[in-house]
């Protein structure tokens, strides 16, 4: 029988590593805030789903992945893309719809993609990428690669049939998949208690013989430790693993969301566990950084975000005559 493991928060950390984690989380936060501002100015169009509050999950998990590992995400993937090392300018240009974007301006906010980083999207269909992750992991296994396919998804996707199919096949085929469930308690506007008969997502993994852990997704050090333990087991056994990160988004589901399904007081309570000040206070308490260090980090982040905006603003629009490029295959002339 496969048992669930609950990882407890970890406090030990080195200065350089802690500063890097703090920088990455602040970068995601400021990038998202700037994106929201630009959306209201109609610089960014279409849908926009922000990751504010959940930064510890993406940044923590990425510490356990190698450059050769594959990463698939949901449409709330700006944070994952930044944590994976995709240039902030390329991401912002993509959301502007510019050719310099990481998907040549054709994907927008929900379809960030960078093959060089083995980052295979943002996917707009809830749960649609779970089967893709199993397929990619199986392909790697057949090719005798020692890499992992990491698949981020929300608890809403865990209520989809695709989740159960993917878990079943991953276990059946011993596919090296790291399933990361970002449980933020609300699938769009539906509370988990209304969509899951068993709200503890970590209880679903053992049903398929998949080892599972649950972790505080607001604690980046706990997430990192759990992710490293999970990836270590996958690389050793070749079997899939489910890591459930219990987290919370501080912003609405999307920029169009009136957010009538939860009380503001609930959001404010969760903000007391904001992963950024939590890590910041830990580093200060251990005398690993000081207020001047924090000011330097914030200044560098501000400069990086502004540089990304400037890059997007000066980017180029795709010529109208190229709009069908990559959409239809070129006609093969008859011999």
Protein backbone atom coordinates (compact mmCIF):
# COMPACT_ATOMS: atom_id res chain seq x y z
CA UNK A 1 0.00 0.00 0.00
CA UNK A 2 1.31 3.46 -0.91
CA UNK A 3 1.13 5.94 1.93
CA UNK A 4 0.83 9.71 1.89
CA UNK A 5 3.58 11.76 3.45
CA UNK A 6 3.15 15.24 4.88
CA UNK A 7 6.33 17.30 4.64
CA UNK A 8 6.96 19.66 7.54
CA UNK A 9 8.38 23.17 6.97
CA UNK A 10 12.18 23.41 6.79
CA UNK A 11 14.10 26.38 8.17
CA UNK A 12 17.80 25.85 7.34
CA UNK A 13 19.01 27.80 4.30
CA UNK A 14 22.19 29.30 2.85
CA UNK A 15 22.46 33.04 2.17
CA UNK A 16 23.01 32.95 -1.61
CA UNK A 17 20.31 30.36 -2.16
CA UNK A 18 17.83 32.18 0.06
CA UNK A 19 18.48 35.48 -1.69
CA UNK A 20 17.99 33.83 -5.08
CA UNK A 21 14.67 32.31 -4.02
CA UNK A 22 13.52 35.66 -2.65
CA UNK A 23 14.54 37.44 -5.86
CA UNK A 24 12.66 34.99 -8.05
CA UNK A 25 9.46 35.21 -6.01
CA UNK A 26 9.57 39.01 -5.93
CA UNK A 27 10.24 39.07 -9.67
CA UNK A 28 7.14 36.98 -10.32
CA UNK A 29 5.04 39.17 -7.99
CA UNK A 30 6.14 42.45 -9.57
CA UNK A 31 5.86 41.05 -13.08
CA UNK A 32 2.29 39.97 -12.37
CA UNK A 33 1.37 43.31 -10.82
CA UNK A 34 2.77 45.13 -13.84
CA UNK A 35 0.88 42.78 -16.15
CA UNK A 36 -2.39 43.62 -14.38
CA UNK A 37 -1.63 47.33 -14.77
CA UNK A 38 -0.86 46.92 -18.47
CA UNK A 39 -4.04 44.91 -18.95
CA UNK A 40 -6.16 47.75 -17.63
CA UNK A 41 -4.38 50.01 -20.14
CA UNK A 42 -5.24 47.53 -22.93
CA UNK A 43 -1.58 46.91 -23.68
CA UNK A 44 -2.26 43.23 -22.96
CA UNK A 45 -5.42 41.75 -24.46
CA UNK A 46 -7.31 38.46 -24.19
CA UNK A 47 -7.28 36.51 -20.93
CA UNK A 48 -4.92 37.12 -18.03
CA UNK A 49 -4.64 34.76 -15.06
CA UNK A 50 -2.33 35.96 -12.30
CA UNK A 51 -0.17 33.82 -10.00
CA UNK A 52 0.00 36.26 -7.09
CA UNK A 53 0.26 34.33 -3.81
CA UNK A 54 1.38 31.02 -5.33
CA UNK A 55 4.99 31.96 -6.15
CA UNK A 56 6.50 29.53 -3.65
CA UNK A 57 5.24 26.54 -5.63
CA UNK A 58 6.77 27.36 -9.01
CA UNK A 59 10.05 28.64 -7.60
CA UNK A 60 10.37 25.84 -5.05
CA UNK A 61 9.67 23.03 -7.51
CA UNK A 62 12.02 24.43 -10.18
CA UNK A 63 14.93 24.04 -7.75
CA UNK A 64 14.53 20.26 -8.04
CA UNK A 65 14.43 20.11 -11.85
CA UNK A 66 17.33 19.86 -14.27
CA UNK A 67 17.65 21.70 -17.58
CA UNK A 68 16.83 18.44 -19.38
CA UNK A 69 13.52 17.94 -17.58
CA UNK A 70 10.28 18.81 -19.36
CA UNK A 71 7.80 21.29 -17.88
CA UNK A 72 4.10 21.62 -18.71
CA UNK A 73 1.75 24.11 -17.05
CA UNK A 74 -1.73 25.52 -16.95
CA UNK A 75 -2.81 28.90 -18.33
CA UNK A 76 -1.65 30.51 -15.04
CA UNK A 77 1.98 30.00 -16.03
CA UNK A 78 3.81 33.35 -16.03
CA UNK A 79 5.42 32.45 -12.70
CA UNK A 80 6.53 29.04 -13.91
CA UNK A 81 8.03 30.50 -17.07
CA UNK A 82 10.01 33.09 -15.11
CA UNK A 83 11.15 30.50 -12.56
CA UNK A 84 12.22 28.23 -15.41
CA UNK A 85 14.52 30.97 -16.66
CA UNK A 86 12.59 32.24 -19.68
CA UNK A 87 13.52 35.87 -20.31
CA UNK A 88 11.03 38.33 -18.80
CA UNK A 89 11.17 40.43 -21.96
CA UNK A 90 10.23 37.47 -24.16
CA UNK A 91 7.28 36.71 -21.87
CA UNK A 92 6.05 40.30 -21.80
CA UNK A 93 6.47 40.64 -25.57
CA UNK A 94 4.40 37.49 -25.97
CA UNK A 95 1.58 38.97 -23.93
CA UNK A 96 1.79 42.11 -26.05
CA UNK A 97 1.44 39.92 -29.15
CA UNK A 98 4.82 40.90 -30.54
CA UNK A 99 7.01 38.73 -32.80
CA UNK A 100 9.82 38.88 -30.22
CA UNK A 101 7.61 36.95 -27.78
CA UNK A 102 8.54 33.42 -26.74
CA UNK A 103 5.70 32.09 -28.96
CA UNK A 104 6.18 34.75 -31.65
CA UNK A 105 3.21 36.66 -30.27
CA UNK A 106 0.77 33.94 -31.30
CA UNK A 107 0.18 32.35 -27.93
CA UNK A 108 -0.36 35.24 -25.57
CA UNK A 109 -0.67 34.92 -21.81
CA UNK A 110 -2.04 31.37 -21.79
CA UNK A 111 0.40 29.78 -24.24
CA UNK A 112 3.96 30.60 -23.24
CA UNK A 113 6.41 28.18 -24.87
CA UNK A 114 10.18 27.80 -25.07
CA UNK A 115 11.60 24.57 -26.51
CA UNK A 116 15.16 25.55 -25.56
CA UNK A 117 14.09 25.57 -21.92
CA UNK A 118 12.02 22.39 -22.38
CA UNK A 119 9.03 24.49 -21.37
CA UNK A 120 6.03 23.15 -23.28
CA UNK A 121 3.28 25.52 -22.40
CA UNK A 122 0.75 27.02 -20.87
CA UNK A 123 -2.29 24.99 -21.85
CA UNK A 124 -5.74 26.56 -21.96
CA UNK A 125 -7.83 23.40 -21.54
CA UNK A 126 -8.17 22.36 -17.91
CA UNK A 127 -6.45 18.99 -17.51
CA UNK A 128 -5.63 18.78 -21.21
CA UNK A 129 -1.88 18.66 -20.65
CA UNK A 130 -1.92 15.77 -18.16
CA UNK A 131 -2.12 13.20 -20.93
CA UNK A 132 0.58 15.08 -22.84
CA UNK A 133 2.85 14.85 -19.80
CA UNK A 134 2.42 11.09 -19.59
CA UNK A 135 3.14 10.78 -23.30
CA UNK A 136 6.28 12.90 -23.07
CA UNK A 137 7.52 10.94 -20.07
CA UNK A 138 6.87 7.64 -21.85
CA UNK A 139 8.76 8.91 -24.91
CA UNK A 140 11.73 9.84 -22.70
CA UNK A 141 11.65 6.38 -21.16
CA UNK A 142 11.59 4.71 -24.57
CA UNK A 143 14.52 6.88 -25.65
CA UNK A 144 16.38 5.90 -22.46
CA UNK A 145 16.69 9.48 -21.28
CA UNK A 146 17.06 10.04 -17.56
CA UNK A 147 14.83 13.10 -17.44
CA UNK A 148 11.55 13.85 -15.72
CA UNK A 149 8.39 15.42 -17.08
CA UNK A 150 6.96 17.86 -14.55
CA UNK A 151 3.27 18.68 -14.92
CA UNK A 152 1.68 21.55 -12.96
CA UNK A 153 -2.12 21.58 -12.64
CA UNK A 154 -4.80 22.86 -10.29
CA UNK A 155 -7.20 20.98 -8.05
CA UNK A 156 -9.91 21.77 -10.60
CA UNK A 157 -8.11 19.52 -13.08
CA UNK A 158 -8.04 16.77 -10.44
CA UNK A 159 -11.83 16.60 -10.81
CA UNK A 160 -11.51 15.94 -14.55
CA UNK A 161 -11.50 12.48 -16.08
CA UNK A 162 -8.18 13.30 -17.74
CA UNK A 163 -6.52 13.40 -14.32
CA UNK A 164 -7.56 9.85 -13.49
CA UNK A 165 -6.64 8.55 -16.94
CA UNK A 166 -3.21 10.17 -16.72
CA UNK A 167 -2.54 8.87 -13.21
CA UNK A 168 -3.62 5.38 -14.18
CA UNK A 169 -1.48 5.22 -17.32
CA UNK A 170 1.54 6.83 -15.65
CA UNK A 171 1.45 4.16 -12.95
CA UNK A 172 0.70 1.36 -15.42
CA UNK A 173 3.58 2.32 -17.73
CA UNK A 174 6.00 3.43 -15.00
CA UNK A 175 6.28 6.84 -16.66
CA UNK A 176 8.66 9.29 -14.93
CA UNK A 177 6.13 12.08 -14.32
CA UNK A 178 6.17 14.52 -11.44
CA UNK A 179 2.54 15.55 -11.00
CA UNK A 180 2.34 18.90 -9.15
CA UNK A 181 -1.16 19.77 -7.97
CA UNK A 182 -1.38 23.47 -7.06
CA UNK A 183 -4.38 23.30 -4.79
CA UNK A 184 -5.56 26.92 -4.41
CA UNK A 185 -9.00 25.80 -3.14
CA UNK A 186 -11.00 27.39 -5.98
CA UNK A 187 -11.39 25.95 -9.47
CA UNK A 188 -12.28 29.27 -11.10
CA UNK A 189 -15.15 30.18 -8.76
CA UNK A 190 -16.01 26.76 -7.35
CA UNK A 191 -14.75 25.90 -3.88
CA UNK A 192 -13.09 22.51 -3.62
CA UNK A 193 -15.72 21.27 -1.20
CA UNK A 194 -18.32 21.58 -3.96
CA UNK A 195 -16.33 19.74 -6.64
CA UNK A 196 -14.50 16.97 -4.75
CA UNK A 197 -16.15 14.38 -2.52
CA UNK A 198 -12.70 13.86 -0.96
CA UNK A 199 -11.05 17.28 -0.65
CA UNK A 200 -7.62 15.92 0.29
CA UNK A 201 -6.11 15.61 -3.19
CA UNK A 202 -3.18 13.65 -1.74
CA UNK A 203 -5.53 10.73 -1.07
CA UNK A 204 -6.07 10.22 -4.80
CA UNK A 205 -2.51 9.20 -5.67
CA UNK A 206 -2.34 6.00 -3.58
CA UNK A 207 -5.51 4.76 -5.32
CA UNK A 208 -3.33 4.34 -8.43
CA UNK A 209 -0.29 3.04 -6.59
CA UNK A 210 1.45 6.41 -6.94
CA UNK A 211 3.52 7.66 -4.04
CA UNK A 212 2.22 11.00 -2.83
CA UNK A 213 3.22 13.90 -0.60
CA UNK A 214 1.29 16.92 0.65
CA UNK A 215 3.14 20.12 1.48
CA UNK A 216 2.46 23.68 2.61
CA UNK A 217 2.57 25.49 -0.72
CA UNK A 218 3.04 28.83 1.03
CA UNK A 219 6.42 27.70 2.43
CA UNK A 220 9.02 27.75 -0.34
CA UNK A 221 11.61 25.79 1.65
CA UNK A 222 9.12 23.03 2.37
CA UNK A 223 8.12 22.93 -1.30
CA UNK A 224 11.74 22.74 -2.41
CA UNK A 225 12.54 19.92 0.02
CA UNK A 226 9.47 17.92 -1.00
CA UNK A 227 10.16 18.45 -4.71
CA UNK A 228 13.77 17.30 -4.36
CA UNK A 229 12.66 14.21 -2.48
CA UNK A 230 10.03 13.49 -5.14
CA UNK A 231 12.40 13.95 -8.09
CA UNK A 232 15.03 11.85 -6.36
CA UNK A 233 12.59 8.96 -6.07
CA UNK A 234 11.45 9.33 -9.70
CA UNK A 235 15.03 9.28 -10.98
CA UNK A 236 15.78 6.22 -8.86
CA UNK A 237 12.64 4.18 -9.52
CA UNK A 238 11.39 5.58 -12.82
CA UNK A 239 7.90 5.69 -11.33
CA UNK A 240 5.52 8.69 -11.21
CA UNK A 241 5.01 10.83 -8.14
CA UNK A 242 2.22 13.16 -7.00
CA UNK A 243 3.12 16.25 -4.98
CA UNK A 244 0.19 18.30 -3.68
CA UNK A 245 1.05 21.91 -2.82
CA UNK A 246 -1.69 23.52 -0.77
CA UNK A 247 -1.59 27.19 -1.71
CA UNK A 248 -3.83 30.20 -2.37
CA UNK A 249 -4.18 32.89 -5.03
CA UNK A 250 -4.62 36.39 -3.69
CA UNK A 251 -6.08 37.77 -6.92
CA UNK A 252 -9.27 36.78 -8.72
CA UNK A 253 -9.31 33.81 -11.10
CA UNK A 254 -8.80 36.14 -14.06
CA UNK A 255 -9.07 39.84 -14.83
CA UNK A 256 -12.72 39.27 -15.79
CA UNK A 257 -13.61 37.62 -12.48
CA UNK A 258 -15.96 39.57 -10.17
CA UNK A 259 -14.79 37.28 -7.33
CA UNK A 260 -18.20 36.85 -5.69
CA UNK A 261 -17.51 33.32 -4.44
CA UNK A 262 -15.25 34.10 -1.46
CA UNK A 263 -15.09 36.65 1.33
CA UNK A 264 -12.45 39.35 1.40
CA UNK A 265 -11.71 38.41 5.01
CA UNK A 266 -10.66 34.93 3.84
CA UNK A 267 -8.22 36.43 1.35
CA UNK A 268 -6.78 38.71 4.01
CA UNK A 269 -6.24 35.76 6.36
CA UNK A 270 -4.31 33.91 3.67
CA UNK A 271 -2.22 37.00 2.95
CA UNK A 272 -0.79 36.63 6.45
CA UNK A 273 0.97 33.55 5.04
CA UNK A 274 2.30 35.37 1.98
CA UNK A 275 5.41 33.33 0.99
CA UNK A 276 7.50 36.42 0.14
CA UNK A 277 7.49 38.19 3.55
CA UNK A 278 7.65 34.78 5.26
CA UNK A 279 10.95 33.96 3.54
CA UNK A 280 12.14 37.53 3.90
CA UNK A 281 11.58 37.47 7.66
CA UNK A 282 13.31 34.11 7.96
CA UNK A 283 16.40 35.42 6.16
CA UNK A 284 16.40 38.56 8.31
CA UNK A 285 15.95 36.54 11.50
CA UNK A 286 18.96 34.36 10.62
CA UNK A 287 21.02 37.47 9.76
CA UNK A 288 21.54 36.21 6.22
CA UNK A 289 20.29 39.48 4.70
CA UNK A 290 19.55 43.00 5.93
CA UNK A 291 17.17 45.77 4.89
CA UNK A 292 19.71 47.14 2.44
CA UNK A 293 19.87 43.73 0.71
CA UNK A 294 16.08 43.74 0.39
CA UNK A 295 16.14 47.22 -1.12
CA UNK A 296 18.77 46.10 -3.63
CA UNK A 297 16.70 43.07 -4.63
CA UNK A 298 13.58 45.20 -5.09
CA UNK A 299 15.51 47.73 -7.17
CA UNK A 300 16.97 45.02 -9.41
CA UNK A 301 13.54 43.43 -9.85
CA UNK A 302 11.99 46.77 -10.72
CA UNK A 303 14.67 47.34 -13.35
CA UNK A 304 14.19 43.88 -14.83
CA UNK A 305 10.42 44.30 -15.08
CA UNK A 306 10.76 47.76 -16.64
CA UNK A 307 13.30 46.41 -19.11
CA UNK A 308 10.78 43.69 -20.07
CA UNK A 309 8.06 46.30 -20.64
CA UNK A 310 10.37 48.46 -22.72
CA UNK A 311 11.33 45.43 -24.81
CA UNK A 312 7.67 44.61 -25.43
CA UNK A 313 6.78 48.21 -26.24
CA UNK A 314 9.49 48.45 -28.89
CA UNK A 315 8.76 45.01 -30.31
CA UNK A 316 7.38 44.47 -33.80
CA UNK A 317 3.98 43.34 -35.01
CA UNK A 318 3.83 40.39 -37.35
CA UNK A 319 3.19 41.48 -40.96
CA UNK A 320 -0.36 40.81 -42.10
CA UNK A 321 0.88 38.74 -45.03
CA UNK A 322 2.44 36.25 -42.59
CA UNK A 323 -0.66 35.62 -40.49
CA UNK A 324 -1.25 32.18 -42.04
CA UNK A 325 2.37 31.14 -41.49
CA UNK A 326 2.64 28.06 -39.23
CA UNK A 327 -1.14 27.56 -39.53
CA UNK A 328 -1.39 25.73 -42.84
CA UNK A 329 1.20 23.42 -44.36
CA UNK A 330 2.80 24.67 -47.54
CA UNK A 331 1.34 23.20 -50.70
CA UNK A 332 3.55 20.51 -52.19
CA UNK A 333 3.96 21.06 -55.88
CA UNK A 334 3.18 18.07 -58.08
CA UNK A 335 6.10 16.55 -59.96
